[in-house]
């Protein structure tokens, strides 16, 4: 039997505690990163995440004013990786691309590294 972790993980994005949100978005981001095989094919977890409205929920987390920059960065990078082989939805396109471009000067090495390795803007 195959287990799909995304319905439960995506629901946790509604938490209010930044520390817990950081853990959840790191887990989601790590799973998304682990699924990347090459740059030309659809992400293997794309359908599973989209089927539970995960793309929009991650984007909503990115837009929240009550979360810290690390959470916003991981959310933006996760969206970039998830939509790696296709165009971002129109409502996400400009905010995500602008944010990903701004990450190139981020003080955090992890954030800069993942931006360079996985997101082509």
N, C-alpha and C. Protein backbone atom coordinates (compact mmCIF):
# COMPACT_ATOMS: atom_id res chain seq x y z
N UNK A 1 0.85 -1.18 0.00
CA UNK A 1 0.00 0.00 0.00
C UNK A 1 0.89 1.24 0.00
N UNK A 2 0.54 2.18 -0.84
CA UNK A 2 1.32 3.41 -0.98
C UNK A 2 0.76 4.49 -0.06
N UNK A 3 1.63 5.15 0.67
CA UNK A 3 1.22 6.20 1.58
C UNK A 3 1.52 7.56 0.96
N UNK A 4 0.55 8.46 0.99
CA UNK A 4 0.72 9.82 0.47
C UNK A 4 0.81 10.77 1.66
N UNK A 5 1.98 11.33 1.93
CA UNK A 5 2.14 12.19 3.10
C UNK A 5 1.58 13.60 2.92
N UNK A 6 1.26 13.98 1.68
CA UNK A 6 0.94 15.38 1.42
C UNK A 6 -0.37 15.88 2.02
N UNK A 7 -1.46 15.12 2.04
CA UNK A 7 -2.68 15.68 2.63
C UNK A 7 -2.46 16.15 4.08
N UNK A 8 -1.82 15.34 4.89
CA UNK A 8 -1.57 15.73 6.28
C UNK A 8 -0.58 16.87 6.40
N UNK A 9 0.50 16.80 5.64
CA UNK A 9 1.51 17.86 5.70
C UNK A 9 0.95 19.20 5.23
N UNK A 10 0.19 19.18 4.16
CA UNK A 10 -0.37 20.43 3.63
C UNK A 10 -1.34 21.05 4.63
N UNK A 11 -2.12 20.22 5.33
CA UNK A 11 -3.03 20.75 6.36
C UNK A 11 -2.26 21.48 7.46
N UNK A 12 -1.06 21.00 7.77
CA UNK A 12 -0.27 21.62 8.84
C UNK A 12 0.22 23.02 8.48
N UNK A 13 0.14 23.40 7.21
CA UNK A 13 0.57 24.74 6.81
C UNK A 13 -0.34 25.84 7.36
N UNK A 14 -1.45 25.45 7.96
CA UNK A 14 -2.36 26.43 8.56
C UNK A 14 -2.00 26.75 10.01
N UNK A 15 -0.98 26.10 10.54
CA UNK A 15 -0.54 26.39 11.91
C UNK A 15 -0.14 27.85 12.04
N UNK A 16 -0.17 28.36 13.26
CA UNK A 16 0.19 29.76 13.51
C UNK A 16 1.61 29.89 14.08
N UNK A 17 2.14 28.83 14.65
CA UNK A 17 3.45 28.87 15.30
C UNK A 17 4.57 28.80 14.26
N UNK A 18 5.41 29.85 14.21
CA UNK A 18 6.49 29.91 13.22
C UNK A 18 7.47 28.75 13.33
N UNK A 19 7.78 28.33 14.54
CA UNK A 19 8.73 27.23 14.71
C UNK A 19 8.18 25.94 14.09
N UNK A 20 6.92 25.65 14.35
CA UNK A 20 6.29 24.46 13.77
C UNK A 20 6.16 24.58 12.26
N UNK A 21 5.78 25.77 11.79
CA UNK A 21 5.66 25.98 10.34
C UNK A 21 6.99 25.78 9.64
N UNK A 22 8.06 26.23 10.28
CA UNK A 22 9.40 26.08 9.69
C UNK A 22 9.73 24.59 9.53
N UNK A 23 9.40 23.80 10.54
CA UNK A 23 9.64 22.35 10.46
C UNK A 23 8.81 21.74 9.33
N UNK A 24 7.54 22.09 9.26
CA UNK A 24 6.64 21.51 8.26
C UNK A 24 7.08 21.88 6.85
N UNK A 25 7.39 23.17 6.60
CA UNK A 25 7.76 23.57 5.24
C UNK A 25 9.13 23.00 4.87
N UNK A 26 10.02 22.81 5.85
CA UNK A 26 11.30 22.14 5.55
C UNK A 26 11.07 20.69 5.14
N UNK A 27 10.15 20.01 5.81
CA UNK A 27 9.84 18.62 5.44
C UNK A 27 9.26 18.57 4.03
N UNK A 28 8.28 19.42 3.76
CA UNK A 28 7.68 19.46 2.43
C UNK A 28 8.74 19.79 1.38
N UNK A 29 9.56 20.81 1.67
CA UNK A 29 10.61 21.20 0.73
C UNK A 29 11.62 20.09 0.50
N UNK A 30 11.96 19.35 1.54
CA UNK A 30 12.91 18.24 1.40
C UNK A 30 12.33 17.11 0.56
N UNK A 31 11.05 16.82 0.76
CA UNK A 31 10.40 15.78 -0.06
C UNK A 31 10.35 16.22 -1.52
N UNK A 32 9.98 17.47 -1.75
CA UNK A 32 9.95 17.99 -3.12
C UNK A 32 11.34 17.91 -3.74
N UNK A 33 12.35 18.34 -2.99
CA UNK A 33 13.73 18.29 -3.49
C UNK A 33 14.16 16.86 -3.79
N UNK A 34 13.81 15.94 -2.91
CA UNK A 34 14.19 14.54 -3.10
C UNK A 34 13.56 13.90 -4.31
N UNK A 35 12.45 14.45 -4.77
CA UNK A 35 11.77 13.89 -5.93
C UNK A 35 12.30 14.36 -7.27
N UNK A 36 13.19 15.34 -7.26
CA UNK A 36 13.69 15.89 -8.52
C UNK A 36 14.63 14.89 -9.18
N UNK A 37 14.29 14.51 -10.40
CA UNK A 37 15.13 13.57 -11.15
C UNK A 37 15.92 14.29 -12.24
N UNK A 38 15.24 15.09 -13.03
CA UNK A 38 15.90 15.88 -14.06
C UNK A 38 15.09 17.17 -14.23
N UNK A 39 15.61 18.07 -15.03
CA UNK A 39 14.98 19.38 -15.16
C UNK A 39 13.88 19.44 -16.22
N UNK A 40 13.69 18.38 -16.99
CA UNK A 40 12.77 18.48 -18.11
C UNK A 40 11.42 17.80 -17.89
N UNK A 41 11.31 16.94 -16.90
CA UNK A 41 10.05 16.23 -16.71
C UNK A 41 9.26 16.83 -15.55
N UNK A 42 7.95 16.55 -15.56
CA UNK A 42 7.10 17.02 -14.47
C UNK A 42 7.58 16.42 -13.16
N UNK A 43 7.50 17.20 -12.10
CA UNK A 43 7.92 16.71 -10.79
C UNK A 43 7.08 15.49 -10.43
N UNK A 44 7.70 14.40 -9.93
CA UNK A 44 6.94 13.17 -9.65
C UNK A 44 5.84 13.34 -8.60
N UNK A 45 5.95 14.32 -7.72
CA UNK A 45 4.93 14.53 -6.70
C UNK A 45 3.95 15.65 -7.07
N UNK A 46 4.12 16.21 -8.26
CA UNK A 46 3.29 17.35 -8.67
C UNK A 46 1.80 17.05 -8.53
N UNK A 47 1.34 15.98 -9.14
CA UNK A 47 -0.09 15.65 -9.12
C UNK A 47 -0.59 15.41 -7.70
N UNK A 48 0.20 14.73 -6.90
CA UNK A 48 -0.19 14.44 -5.52
C UNK A 48 -0.35 15.73 -4.71
N UNK A 49 0.58 16.65 -4.89
CA UNK A 49 0.54 17.92 -4.15
C UNK A 49 -0.59 18.80 -4.67
N UNK A 50 -0.73 18.90 -5.99
CA UNK A 50 -1.77 19.74 -6.58
C UNK A 50 -3.16 19.19 -6.25
N UNK A 51 -3.30 17.87 -6.16
CA UNK A 51 -4.62 17.27 -5.90
C UNK A 51 -5.18 17.64 -4.54
N UNK A 52 -4.32 18.04 -3.61
CA UNK A 52 -4.79 18.48 -2.28
C UNK A 52 -4.64 19.99 -2.13
N UNK A 53 -4.57 20.69 -3.29
CA UNK A 53 -4.45 22.15 -3.33
C UNK A 53 -3.14 22.62 -2.68
N UNK A 54 -2.13 21.76 -2.71
CA UNK A 54 -0.87 22.05 -2.04
C UNK A 54 -0.11 23.23 -2.62
N UNK A 55 -0.13 23.38 -3.94
CA UNK A 55 0.56 24.52 -4.56
C UNK A 55 0.01 25.83 -4.04
N UNK A 56 -1.31 25.94 -4.00
CA UNK A 56 -1.94 27.16 -3.50
C UNK A 56 -1.72 27.35 -2.01
N UNK A 57 -1.72 26.25 -1.25
CA UNK A 57 -1.51 26.36 0.20
C UNK A 57 -0.07 26.79 0.52
N UNK A 58 0.89 26.28 -0.25
CA UNK A 58 2.29 26.71 -0.05
C UNK A 58 2.41 28.18 -0.43
N UNK A 59 1.75 28.58 -1.51
CA UNK A 59 1.78 29.98 -1.93
C UNK A 59 1.11 30.87 -0.88
N UNK A 60 0.00 30.42 -0.30
CA UNK A 60 -0.66 31.18 0.77
C UNK A 60 0.27 31.36 1.97
N UNK A 61 1.02 30.31 2.29
CA UNK A 61 2.00 30.42 3.38
C UNK A 61 3.05 31.47 3.01
N UNK A 62 3.54 31.43 1.79
CA UNK A 62 4.51 32.41 1.30
C UNK A 62 3.98 33.84 1.46
N UNK A 63 2.70 34.05 1.24
CA UNK A 63 2.10 35.39 1.28
C UNK A 63 1.77 35.87 2.69
N UNK A 64 1.74 34.97 3.65
CA UNK A 64 1.36 35.37 5.01
C UNK A 64 2.33 36.38 5.59
N UNK A 65 1.78 37.35 6.29
CA UNK A 65 2.60 38.40 6.91
C UNK A 65 3.12 37.99 8.28
N UNK A 66 2.56 36.93 8.85
CA UNK A 66 2.93 36.51 10.20
C UNK A 66 4.01 35.43 10.22
N UNK A 67 4.65 35.17 9.07
CA UNK A 67 5.71 34.16 9.04
C UNK A 67 7.06 34.83 8.79
N UNK A 68 8.13 34.18 9.23
CA UNK A 68 9.46 34.78 9.07
C UNK A 68 10.02 34.54 7.67
N UNK A 69 11.14 35.20 7.39
CA UNK A 69 11.75 35.14 6.06
C UNK A 69 12.20 33.73 5.68
N UNK A 70 12.69 32.97 6.64
CA UNK A 70 13.14 31.61 6.33
C UNK A 70 11.98 30.77 5.80
N UNK A 71 10.82 30.88 6.43
CA UNK A 71 9.64 30.16 5.97
C UNK A 71 9.25 30.63 4.58
N UNK A 72 9.23 31.93 4.37
CA UNK A 72 8.88 32.47 3.04
C UNK A 72 9.87 32.00 1.99
N UNK A 73 11.15 31.99 2.31
CA UNK A 73 12.17 31.54 1.36
C UNK A 73 11.97 30.07 0.97
N UNK A 74 11.78 29.23 1.98
CA UNK A 74 11.60 27.80 1.70
C UNK A 74 10.32 27.57 0.90
N UNK A 75 9.26 28.30 1.23
CA UNK A 75 8.01 28.17 0.48
C UNK A 75 8.22 28.57 -0.98
N UNK A 76 8.90 29.68 -1.22
CA UNK A 76 9.15 30.14 -2.60
C UNK A 76 10.00 29.14 -3.36
N UNK A 77 11.05 28.64 -2.74
CA UNK A 77 11.93 27.66 -3.39
C UNK A 77 11.15 26.37 -3.68
N UNK A 78 10.31 25.95 -2.74
CA UNK A 78 9.51 24.74 -2.94
C UNK A 78 8.56 24.89 -4.12
N UNK A 79 7.94 26.05 -4.25
CA UNK A 79 7.06 26.30 -5.39
C UNK A 79 7.86 26.28 -6.68
N UNK A 80 9.03 26.91 -6.67
CA UNK A 80 9.89 26.90 -7.85
C UNK A 80 10.27 25.49 -8.27
N UNK A 81 10.59 24.65 -7.33
CA UNK A 81 10.97 23.26 -7.63
C UNK A 81 9.77 22.46 -8.11
N UNK A 82 8.63 22.65 -7.45
CA UNK A 82 7.42 21.90 -7.82
C UNK A 82 7.00 22.19 -9.25
N UNK A 83 7.09 23.46 -9.65
CA UNK A 83 6.68 23.87 -10.99
C UNK A 83 7.88 23.96 -11.94
N UNK A 84 8.92 23.20 -11.67
CA UNK A 84 10.18 23.32 -12.41
C UNK A 84 10.07 23.11 -13.91
N UNK A 85 9.16 22.28 -14.35
CA UNK A 85 9.09 21.97 -15.79
C UNK A 85 7.90 22.65 -16.48
N UNK A 86 7.23 23.53 -15.77
CA UNK A 86 6.10 24.23 -16.38
C UNK A 86 6.01 25.64 -15.85
N UNK A 87 5.18 26.42 -16.49
CA UNK A 87 5.04 27.81 -16.11
C UNK A 87 4.27 27.92 -14.79
N UNK A 88 4.71 28.84 -13.96
CA UNK A 88 3.99 29.09 -12.71
C UNK A 88 2.60 29.63 -13.03
N UNK A 89 1.61 29.31 -12.19
CA UNK A 89 0.29 29.91 -12.37
C UNK A 89 0.41 31.44 -12.32
N UNK A 90 -0.43 32.11 -13.06
CA UNK A 90 -0.34 33.57 -13.22
C UNK A 90 -0.32 34.30 -11.88
N UNK A 91 -1.15 33.87 -10.93
CA UNK A 91 -1.21 34.57 -9.63
C UNK A 91 0.07 34.41 -8.81
N UNK A 92 0.86 33.38 -9.09
CA UNK A 92 2.10 33.13 -8.35
C UNK A 92 3.33 33.70 -9.05
N UNK A 93 3.24 33.83 -10.34
CA UNK A 93 4.42 34.07 -11.17
C UNK A 93 5.28 35.24 -10.68
N UNK A 94 4.74 36.45 -10.68
CA UNK A 94 5.56 37.62 -10.36
C UNK A 94 6.04 37.63 -8.91
N UNK A 95 5.15 37.37 -7.92
CA UNK A 95 5.65 37.39 -6.54
C UNK A 95 6.74 36.34 -6.28
N UNK A 96 6.58 35.14 -6.82
CA UNK A 96 7.57 34.08 -6.58
C UNK A 96 8.87 34.40 -7.30
N UNK A 97 8.80 34.79 -8.57
CA UNK A 97 10.03 35.11 -9.31
C UNK A 97 10.76 36.27 -8.66
N UNK A 98 10.04 37.32 -8.29
CA UNK A 98 10.68 38.47 -7.62
C UNK A 98 11.36 38.04 -6.33
N UNK A 99 10.68 37.20 -5.56
CA UNK A 99 11.26 36.75 -4.29
C UNK A 99 12.48 35.87 -4.52
N UNK A 100 12.39 34.95 -5.48
CA UNK A 100 13.53 34.08 -5.76
C UNK A 100 14.74 34.88 -6.23
N UNK A 101 14.50 35.91 -7.01
CA UNK A 101 15.62 36.77 -7.44
C UNK A 101 16.24 37.47 -6.24
N UNK A 102 15.42 37.89 -5.29
CA UNK A 102 15.94 38.60 -4.11
C UNK A 102 16.76 37.68 -3.21
N UNK A 103 16.51 36.38 -3.28
CA UNK A 103 17.23 35.42 -2.44
C UNK A 103 18.71 35.34 -2.81
N UNK A 104 19.06 35.72 -4.02
CA UNK A 104 20.47 35.61 -4.43
C UNK A 104 21.39 36.42 -3.53
N UNK A 105 20.86 37.44 -2.87
CA UNK A 105 21.68 38.23 -1.96
C UNK A 105 21.40 37.90 -0.50
N UNK A 106 20.68 36.82 -0.26
CA UNK A 106 20.33 36.42 1.10
C UNK A 106 21.59 36.08 1.90
N UNK A 107 21.57 36.41 3.18
CA UNK A 107 22.71 36.14 4.07
C UNK A 107 22.87 34.64 4.34
N UNK A 108 21.78 33.90 4.22
CA UNK A 108 21.79 32.48 4.56
C UNK A 108 22.34 31.64 3.41
N UNK A 109 23.45 30.95 3.63
CA UNK A 109 24.10 30.15 2.59
C UNK A 109 23.20 29.05 2.06
N UNK A 110 22.44 28.37 2.94
CA UNK A 110 21.53 27.31 2.51
C UNK A 110 20.55 27.85 1.47
N UNK A 111 19.97 29.01 1.77
CA UNK A 111 18.98 29.61 0.87
C UNK A 111 19.61 29.96 -0.47
N UNK A 112 20.77 30.60 -0.45
CA UNK A 112 21.46 30.96 -1.71
C UNK A 112 21.79 29.72 -2.52
N UNK A 113 22.32 28.70 -1.85
CA UNK A 113 22.73 27.46 -2.53
C UNK A 113 21.55 26.81 -3.24
N UNK A 114 20.43 26.65 -2.53
CA UNK A 114 19.28 26.00 -3.15
C UNK A 114 18.68 26.86 -4.25
N UNK A 115 18.75 28.15 -4.09
CA UNK A 115 18.27 29.02 -5.16
C UNK A 115 19.07 28.75 -6.43
N UNK A 116 20.38 28.76 -6.30
CA UNK A 116 21.25 28.57 -7.46
C UNK A 116 21.11 27.18 -8.07
N UNK A 117 21.00 26.16 -7.24
CA UNK A 117 20.98 24.79 -7.74
C UNK A 117 19.66 24.35 -8.35
N UNK A 118 18.56 24.89 -7.87
CA UNK A 118 17.29 24.30 -8.26
C UNK A 118 16.31 25.24 -8.95
N UNK A 119 16.57 26.51 -8.92
CA UNK A 119 15.62 27.43 -9.52
C UNK A 119 16.31 28.22 -10.61
N UNK A 120 15.80 28.12 -11.79
CA UNK A 120 16.34 28.85 -12.93
C UNK A 120 15.41 30.01 -13.23
N UNK A 121 15.83 31.22 -12.86
CA UNK A 121 14.99 32.40 -13.10
C UNK A 121 15.63 33.24 -14.17
